[in-house]
Structure formats: C-alpha cells, structure tokens
Amino acid sequence: MKTLKYLFILTVLLCAMTAQAQFLEKVGKSAERAAERTVIRKTEQKTSQKAGKTIDRAVDGDPANGHDLQSTQH
C-alpha cells in the first residue's frame, strides 16, 4: 500500500512539473513575441520619422545646405 501511495505522489509531481514546464514555455514564447513586436514598432517609427524629415527637406529645402527651395521659386 505504501508503494502505491508513493507511486501516486510521484505521478502527481511529474504531471505538475510537466504542466509547469509547458506554462513557462508559453510565457517565454509570449515574451519573445512581445519583444519582436516592440522592435518592429520602434523600427517602423524611426523609419517613418526619417522618411518624414526627408520628404520635408525635399519639399521645403535642405536647411543643412542653406538652400530654401520655396524662397527661390518665387
């Protein structure tokens, strides 16, 4: 009877450890996806800012070179 009790406890512990491992794996994957989304979002944000500045310089002139296209076109 004791061996049956110990076998049952061992089985329960093994099942609990497996469930915990699966849970931790899911949490790890979720964290990885969140990190990827953050990197992608930041990359898109920086790209958008750079593109916006480039378009502004192309339309308004490049202040770094001292050229102002709007004032020379009048």
PDB file of N, CA and C in Angstrom:
ATOM      1  N   MET A   1       0.814  -1.182   0.000  1.00  0.00           N
ATOM      2  CA  MET A   1       0.000   0.000   0.000  1.00  0.00           C
ATOM      3  C   MET A   1       0.869   1.262   0.000  1.00  0.00           C
ATOM      4  N   LYS A   2       1.999   1.214   0.727  1.00  0.00           N
ATOM      5  CA  LYS A   2       2.893   2.367   0.768  1.00  0.00           C
ATOM      6  C   LYS A   2       3.476   2.646  -0.619  1.00  0.00           C
ATOM      7  N   THR A   3       3.845   1.602  -1.329  1.00  0.00           N
ATOM      8  CA  THR A   3       4.435   1.801  -2.650  1.00  0.00           C
ATOM      9  C   THR A   3       3.412   2.402  -3.609  1.00  0.00           C
ATOM     10  N   LEU A   4       2.155   2.032  -3.475  1.00  0.00           N
ATOM     11  CA  LEU A   4       1.108   2.606  -4.315  1.00  0.00           C
ATOM     12  C   LEU A   4       0.942   4.095  -4.013  1.00  0.00           C
ATOM     13  N   LYS A   5       1.018   4.427  -2.737  1.00  0.00           N
ATOM     14  CA  LYS A   5       0.905   5.836  -2.319  1.00  0.00           C
ATOM     15  C   LYS A   5       2.092   6.640  -2.874  1.00  0.00           C
ATOM     16  N   TYR A   6       3.298   6.104  -2.752  1.00  0.00           N
ATOM     17  CA  TYR A   6       4.479   6.791  -3.257  1.00  0.00           C
ATOM     18  C   TYR A   6       4.449   6.907  -4.786  1.00  0.00           C
ATOM     19  N   LEU A   7       3.979   5.892  -5.434  1.00  0.00           N
ATOM     20  CA  LEU A   7       3.857   5.914  -6.884  1.00  0.00           C
ATOM     21  C   LEU A   7       2.851   6.977  -7.328  1.00  0.00           C
ATOM     22  N   PHE A   8       1.760   7.071  -6.608  1.00  0.00           N
ATOM     23  CA  PHE A   8       0.745   8.089  -6.922  1.00  0.00           C
ATOM     24  C   PHE A   8       1.314   9.490  -6.727  1.00  0.00           C
ATOM     25  N   ILE A   9       2.007   9.724  -5.630  1.00  0.00           N
ATOM     26  CA  ILE A   9       2.609  11.039  -5.357  1.00  0.00           C
ATOM     27  C   ILE A   9       3.649  11.370  -6.419  1.00  0.00           C
ATOM     28  N   LEU A  10       4.448  10.407  -6.798  1.00  0.00           N
ATOM     29  CA  LEU A  10       5.450  10.618  -7.837  1.00  0.00           C
ATOM     30  C   LEU A  10       4.790  10.976  -9.170  1.00  0.00           C
ATOM     31  N   THR A  11       3.717  10.304  -9.512  1.00  0.00           N
ATOM     32  CA  THR A  11       2.994  10.580 -10.752  1.00  0.00           C
ATOM     33  C   THR A  11       2.413  11.992 -10.738  1.00  0.00           C
ATOM     34  N   VAL A  12       1.828  12.384  -9.615  1.00  0.00           N
ATOM     35  CA  VAL A  12       1.260  13.733  -9.497  1.00  0.00           C
ATOM     36  C   VAL A  12       2.361  14.787  -9.638  1.00  0.00           C
ATOM     37  N   LEU A  13       3.485  14.563  -9.001  1.00  0.00           N
ATOM     38  CA  LEU A  13       4.591  15.514  -9.095  1.00  0.00           C
ATOM     39  C   LEU A  13       5.121  15.633 -10.522  1.00  0.00           C
ATOM     40  N   LEU A  14       5.251  14.521 -11.201  1.00  0.00           N
ATOM     41  CA  LEU A  14       5.728  14.552 -12.582  1.00  0.00           C
ATOM     42  C   LEU A  14       4.753  15.304 -13.494  1.00  0.00           C
ATOM     43  N   CYS A  15       3.482  15.074 -13.279  1.00  0.00           N
ATOM     44  CA  CYS A  15       2.468  15.788 -14.079  1.00  0.00           C
ATOM     45  C   CYS A  15       2.525  17.284 -13.799  1.00  0.00           C
ATOM     46  N   ALA A  16       2.698  17.644 -12.538  1.00  0.00           N
ATOM     47  CA  ALA A  16       2.775  19.058 -12.172  1.00  0.00           C
ATOM     48  C   ALA A  16       4.006  19.707 -12.793  1.00  0.00           C
ATOM     49  N   MET A  17       5.110  18.995 -12.803  1.00  0.00           N
ATOM     50  CA  MET A  17       6.334  19.542 -13.389  1.00  0.00           C
ATOM     51  C   MET A  17       6.178  19.727 -14.891  1.00  0.00           C
ATOM     52  N   THR A  18       5.520  18.791 -15.544  1.00  0.00           N
ATOM     53  CA  THR A  18       5.282  18.897 -16.982  1.00  0.00           C
ATOM     54  C   THR A  18       4.384  20.091 -17.287  1.00  0.00           C
ATOM     55  N   ALA A  19       3.336  20.254 -16.487  1.00  0.00           N
ATOM     56  CA  ALA A  19       2.425  21.382 -16.688  1.00  0.00           C
ATOM     57  C   ALA A  19       3.156  22.696 -16.467  1.00  0.00           C
ATOM     58  N   GLN A  20       4.018  22.738 -15.455  1.00  0.00           N
ATOM     59  CA  GLN A  20       4.775  23.955 -15.177  1.00  0.00           C
ATOM     60  C   GLN A  20       5.722  24.267 -16.335  1.00  0.00           C
ATOM     61  N   ALA A  21       6.361  23.261 -16.870  1.00  0.00           N
ATOM     62  CA  ALA A  21       7.279  23.456 -17.990  1.00  0.00           C
ATOM     63  C   ALA A  21       6.526  23.984 -19.209  1.00  0.00           C
ATOM     64  N   GLN A  22       5.342  23.444 -19.471  1.00  0.00           N
ATOM     65  CA  GLN A  22       4.543  23.918 -20.601  1.00  0.00           C
ATOM     66  C   GLN A  22       4.115  25.362 -20.379  1.00  0.00           C
ATOM     67  N   PHE A  23       3.739  25.698 -19.157  1.00  0.00           N
ATOM     68  CA  PHE A  23       3.336  27.061 -18.839  1.00  0.00           C
ATOM     69  C   PHE A  23       4.497  28.028 -19.043  1.00  0.00           C
ATOM     70  N   LEU A  24       5.661  27.648 -18.542  1.00  0.00           N
ATOM     71  CA  LEU A  24       6.832  28.508 -18.694  1.00  0.00           C
ATOM     72  C   LEU A  24       7.223  28.658 -20.165  1.00  0.00           C
ATOM     73  N   GLU A  25       7.049  27.604 -20.938  1.00  0.00           N
ATOM     74  CA  GLU A  25       7.344  27.675 -22.365  1.00  0.00           C
ATOM     75  C   GLU A  25       6.406  28.664 -23.051  1.00  0.00           C
ATOM     76  N   LYS A  26       5.123  28.625 -22.688  1.00  0.00           N
ATOM     77  CA  LYS A  26       4.162  29.556 -23.274  1.00  0.00           C
ATOM     78  C   LYS A  26       4.482  30.990 -22.880  1.00  0.00           C
ATOM     79  N   VAL A  27       4.855  31.192 -21.626  1.00  0.00           N
ATOM     80  CA  VAL A  27       5.215  32.533 -21.163  1.00  0.00           C
ATOM     81  C   VAL A  27       6.445  33.032 -21.912  1.00  0.00           C
ATOM     82  N   GLY A  28       7.414  32.155 -22.101  1.00  0.00           N
ATOM     83  CA  GLY A  28       8.628  32.531 -22.827  1.00  0.00           C
ATOM     84  C   GLY A  28       8.336  32.910 -24.264  1.00  0.00           C
ATOM     85  N   LYS A  29       7.482  32.137 -24.919  1.00  0.00           N
ATOM     86  CA  LYS A  29       7.126  32.455 -26.301  1.00  0.00           C
ATOM     87  C   LYS A  29       6.357  33.763 -26.381  1.00  0.00           C
ATOM     88  N   SER A  30       5.486  33.989 -25.417  1.00  0.00           N
ATOM     89  CA  SER A  30       4.720  35.233 -25.391  1.00  0.00           C
ATOM     90  C   SER A  30       5.649  36.434 -25.209  1.00  0.00           C
ATOM     91  N   ALA A  31       6.617  36.310 -24.333  1.00  0.00           N
ATOM     92  CA  ALA A  31       7.581  37.387 -24.122  1.00  0.00           C
ATOM     93  C   ALA A  31       8.413  37.627 -25.373  1.00  0.00           C
ATOM     94  N   GLU A  32       8.778  36.555 -26.061  1.00  0.00           N
ATOM     95  CA  GLU A  32       9.560  36.690 -27.289  1.00  0.00           C
ATOM     96  C   GLU A  32       8.762  37.428 -28.363  1.00  0.00           C
ATOM     97  N   ARG A  33       7.491  37.069 -28.512  1.00  0.00           N
ATOM     98  CA  ARG A  33       6.635  37.754 -29.499  1.00  0.00           C
ATOM     99  C   ARG A  33       6.452  39.222 -29.144  1.00  0.00           C
ATOM    100  N   ALA A  34       6.296  39.514 -27.860  1.00  0.00           N
ATOM    101  CA  ALA A  34       6.142  40.907 -27.426  1.00  0.00           C
ATOM    102  C   ALA A  34       7.404  41.709 -27.729  1.00  0.00           C
ATOM    103  N   ALA A  35       8.550  41.111 -27.519  1.00  0.00           N
ATOM    104  CA  ALA A  35       9.813  41.794 -27.820  1.00  0.00           C
ATOM    105  C   ALA A  35       9.949  42.036 -29.319  1.00  0.00           C
ATOM    106  N   GLU A  36       9.571  41.058 -30.131  1.00  0.00           N
ATOM    107  CA  GLU A  36       9.621  41.233 -31.582  1.00  0.00           C
ATOM    108  C   GLU A  36       8.696  42.355 -32.032  1.00  0.00           C
ATOM    109  N   ARG A  37       7.483  42.387 -31.468  1.00  0.00           N
ATOM    110  CA  ARG A  37       6.536  43.448 -31.840  1.00  0.00           C
ATOM    111  C   ARG A  37       7.080  44.821 -31.461  1.00  0.00           C
ATOM    112  N   THR A  38       7.731  44.908 -30.307  1.00  0.00           N
ATOM    113  CA  THR A  38       8.298  46.183 -29.860  1.00  0.00           C
ATOM    114  C   THR A  38       9.401  46.634 -30.800  1.00  0.00           C
ATOM    115  N   VAL A  39      10.267  45.714 -31.183  1.00  0.00           N
ATOM    116  CA  VAL A  39      11.364  46.057 -32.099  1.00  0.00           C
ATOM    117  C   VAL A  39      10.805  46.506 -33.446  1.00  0.00           C
ATOM    118  N   ILE A  40       9.830  45.781 -33.956  1.00  0.00           N
ATOM    119  CA  ILE A  40       9.231  46.141 -35.247  1.00  0.00           C
ATOM    120  C   ILE A  40       8.550  47.499 -35.170  1.00  0.00           C
ATOM    121  N   ARG A  41       7.816  47.739 -34.077  1.00  0.00           N
ATOM    122  CA  ARG A  41       7.117  49.017 -33.911  1.00  0.00           C
ATOM    123  C   ARG A  41       8.111  50.178 -33.849  1.00  0.00           C
ATOM    124  N   LYS A  42       9.199  50.001 -33.090  1.00  0.00           N
ATOM    125  CA  LYS A  42      10.217  51.048 -32.983  1.00  0.00           C
ATOM    126  C   LYS A  42      10.907  51.287 -34.325  1.00  0.00           C
ATOM    127  N   THR A  43      11.178  50.217 -35.053  1.00  0.00           N
ATOM    128  CA  THR A  43      11.809  50.344 -36.366  1.00  0.00           C
ATOM    129  C   THR A  43      10.904  51.105 -37.323  1.00  0.00           C
ATOM    130  N   GLU A  44       9.616  50.766 -37.324  1.00  0.00           N
ATOM    131  CA  GLU A  44       8.670  51.477 -38.184  1.00  0.00           C
ATOM    132  C   GLU A  44       8.572  52.944 -37.792  1.00  0.00           C
ATOM    133  N   GLN A  45       8.592  53.212 -36.497  1.00  0.00           N
ATOM    134  CA  GLN A  45       8.509  54.595 -36.016  1.00  0.00           C
ATOM    135  C   GLN A  45       9.730  55.401 -36.465  1.00  0.00           C
ATOM    136  N   LYS A  46      10.915  54.846 -36.298  1.00  0.00           N
ATOM    137  CA  LYS A  46      12.143  55.551 -36.706  1.00  0.00           C
ATOM    138  C   LYS A  46      12.177  55.740 -38.220  1.00  0.00           C
ATOM    139  N   THR A  47      11.782  54.725 -38.968  1.00  0.00           N
ATOM    140  CA  THR A  47      11.752  54.827 -40.426  1.00  0.00           C
ATOM    141  C   THR A  47      10.782  55.902 -40.867  1.00  0.00           C
ATOM    142  N   SER A  48       9.631  55.956 -40.233  1.00  0.00           N
ATOM    143  CA  SER A  48       8.629  56.964 -40.569  1.00  0.00           C
ATOM    144  C   SER A  48       9.152  58.364 -40.275  1.00  0.00           C
ATOM    145  N   GLN A  49       9.827  58.517 -39.157  1.00  0.00           N
ATOM    146  CA  GLN A  49      10.388  59.829 -38.820  1.00  0.00           C
ATOM    147  C   GLN A  49      11.434  60.256 -39.848  1.00  0.00           C
ATOM    148  N   LYS A  50      12.322  59.341 -40.203  1.00  0.00           N
ATOM    149  CA  LYS A  50      13.370  59.659 -41.184  1.00  0.00           C
ATOM    150  C   LYS A  50      12.753  59.981 -42.544  1.00  0.00           C
ATOM    151  N   ALA A  51      11.765  59.205 -42.952  1.00  0.00           N
ATOM    152  CA  ALA A  51      11.121  59.452 -44.241  1.00  0.00           C
ATOM    153  C   ALA A  51      10.410  60.795 -44.224  1.00  0.00           C
ATOM    154  N   GLY A  52       9.756  61.106 -43.116  1.00  0.00           N
ATOM    155  CA  GLY A  52       9.068  62.393 -42.999  1.00  0.00           C
ATOM    156  C   GLY A  52      10.041  63.551 -43.095  1.00  0.00           C
ATOM    157  N   LYS A  53      11.179  63.440 -42.419  1.00  0.00           N
ATOM    158  CA  LYS A  53      12.188  64.503 -42.483  1.00  0.00           C
ATOM    159  C   LYS A  53      12.745  64.638 -43.893  1.00  0.00           C
ATOM    160  N   THR A  54      12.974  63.514 -44.566  1.00  0.00           N
ATOM    161  CA  THR A  54      13.495  63.544 -45.929  1.00  0.00           C
ATOM    162  C   THR A  54      12.499  64.210 -46.868  1.00  0.00           C
ATOM    163  N   ILE A  55      11.240  63.866 -46.717  1.00  0.00           N
ATOM    164  CA  ILE A  55      10.204  64.483 -47.560  1.00  0.00           C
ATOM    165  C   ILE A  55      10.111  65.975 -47.274  1.00  0.00           C
ATOM    166  N   ASP A  56      10.165  66.356 -46.004  1.00  0.00           N
ATOM    167  CA  ASP A  56      10.124  67.776 -45.651  1.00  0.00           C
ATOM    168  C   ASP A  56      11.300  68.527 -46.257  1.00  0.00           C
ATOM    169  N   ARG A  57      12.491  67.915 -46.195  1.00  0.00           N
ATOM    170  CA  ARG A  57      13.660  68.573 -46.788  1.00  0.00           C
ATOM    171  C   ARG A  57      13.530  68.680 -48.298  1.00  0.00           C
ATOM    172  N   ALA A  58      12.958  67.676 -48.933  1.00  0.00           N
ATOM    173  CA  ALA A  58      12.802  67.697 -50.384  1.00  0.00           C
ATOM    174  C   ALA A  58      11.796  68.759 -50.801  1.00  0.00           C
ATOM    175  N   VAL A  59      10.765  68.942 -50.006  1.00  0.00           N
ATOM    176  CA  VAL A  59       9.724  69.912 -50.353  1.00  0.00           C
ATOM    177  C   VAL A  59      10.109  71.318 -49.933  1.00  0.00           C
ATOM    178  N   ASP A  60      10.620  71.468 -48.724  1.00  0.00           N
ATOM    179  CA  ASP A  60      10.900  72.799 -48.173  1.00  0.00           C
ATOM    180  C   ASP A  60      12.325  73.274 -48.419  1.00  0.00           C
ATOM    181  N   GLY A  61      13.204  72.410 -48.724  1.00  0.00           N
ATOM    182  CA  GLY A  61      14.603  72.764 -48.892  1.00  0.00           C
ATOM    183  C   GLY A  61      15.419  72.120 -47.799  1.00  0.00           C
ATOM    184  N   ASP A  62      16.704  72.076 -48.000  1.00  0.00           N
ATOM    185  CA  ASP A  62      17.599  71.437 -47.038  1.00  0.00           C
ATOM    186  C   ASP A  62      18.265  72.509 -46.194  1.00  0.00           C
ATOM    187  N   PRO A  63      17.826  72.694 -44.946  1.00  0.00           N
ATOM    188  CA  PRO A  63      18.423  73.729 -44.110  1.00  0.00           C
ATOM    189  C   PRO A  63      19.895  73.461 -43.795  1.00  0.00           C
ATOM    190  N   ALA A  64      20.344  72.238 -43.885  1.00  0.00           N
ATOM    191  CA  ALA A  64      21.745  71.918 -43.623  1.00  0.00           C
ATOM    192  C   ALA A  64      22.645  72.504 -44.709  1.00  0.00           C
ATOM    193  N   ASN A  65      22.148  72.584 -45.935  1.00  0.00           N
ATOM    194  CA  ASN A  65      22.931  73.125 -47.038  1.00  0.00           C
ATOM    195  C   ASN A  65      22.660  74.611 -47.245  1.00  0.00           C
ATOM    196  N   GLY A  66      21.732  75.187 -46.514  1.00  0.00           N
ATOM    197  CA  GLY A  66      21.414  76.600 -46.668  1.00  0.00           C
ATOM    198  C   GLY A  66      20.505  76.878 -47.841  1.00  0.00           C
ATOM    199  N   HIS A  67      19.928  75.873 -48.445  1.00  0.00           N
ATOM    200  CA  HIS A  67      19.039  76.042 -49.574  1.00  0.00           C
ATOM    201  C   HIS A  67      17.605  76.053 -49.098  1.00  0.00           C
ATOM    202  N   ASP A  68      16.839  77.002 -49.610  1.00  0.00           N
ATOM    203  CA  ASP A  68      15.423  77.043 -49.313  1.00  0.00           C
ATOM    204  C   ASP A  68      14.702  77.080 -50.635  1.00  0.00           C
ATOM    205  N   LEU A  69      14.130  75.974 -51.029  1.00  0.00           N
ATOM    206  CA  LEU A  69      13.515  75.850 -52.337  1.00  0.00           C
ATOM    207  C   LEU A  69      12.289  76.753 -52.486  1.00  0.00           C
ATOM    208  N   GLN A  70      11.550  76.974 -51.447  1.00  0.00           N
ATOM    209  CA  GLN A  70      10.340  77.781 -51.545  1.00  0.00           C
ATOM    210  C   GLN A  70      10.661  79.248 -51.826  1.00  0.00           C
ATOM    211  N   SER A  71      11.722  79.782 -51.201  1.00  0.00           N
ATOM    212  CA  SER A  71      12.056  81.184 -51.409  1.00  0.00           C
ATOM    213  C   SER A  71      12.687  81.416 -52.796  1.00  0.00           C
ATOM    214  N   THR A  72      13.348  80.425 -53.371  1.00  0.00           N
ATOM    215  CA  THR A  72      13.988  80.594 -54.677  1.00  0.00           C
ATOM    216  C   THR A  72      12.995  80.387 -55.811  1.00  0.00           C
ATOM    217  N   GLN A  73      11.844  79.778 -55.538  1.00  0.00           N
ATOM    218  CA  GLN A  73      10.877  79.533 -56.588  1.00  0.00           C
ATOM    219  C   GLN A  73       9.956  80.714 -56.797  1.00  0.00           C
ATOM    220  N   HIS A  74       9.942  81.697 -55.949  1.00  0.00           N
ATOM    221  CA  HIS A  74       9.026  82.853 -56.061  1.00  0.00           C
ATOM    222  C   HIS A  74       9.566  83.872 -56.992  1.00  0.00           C
TER     223      HIS A  74
END
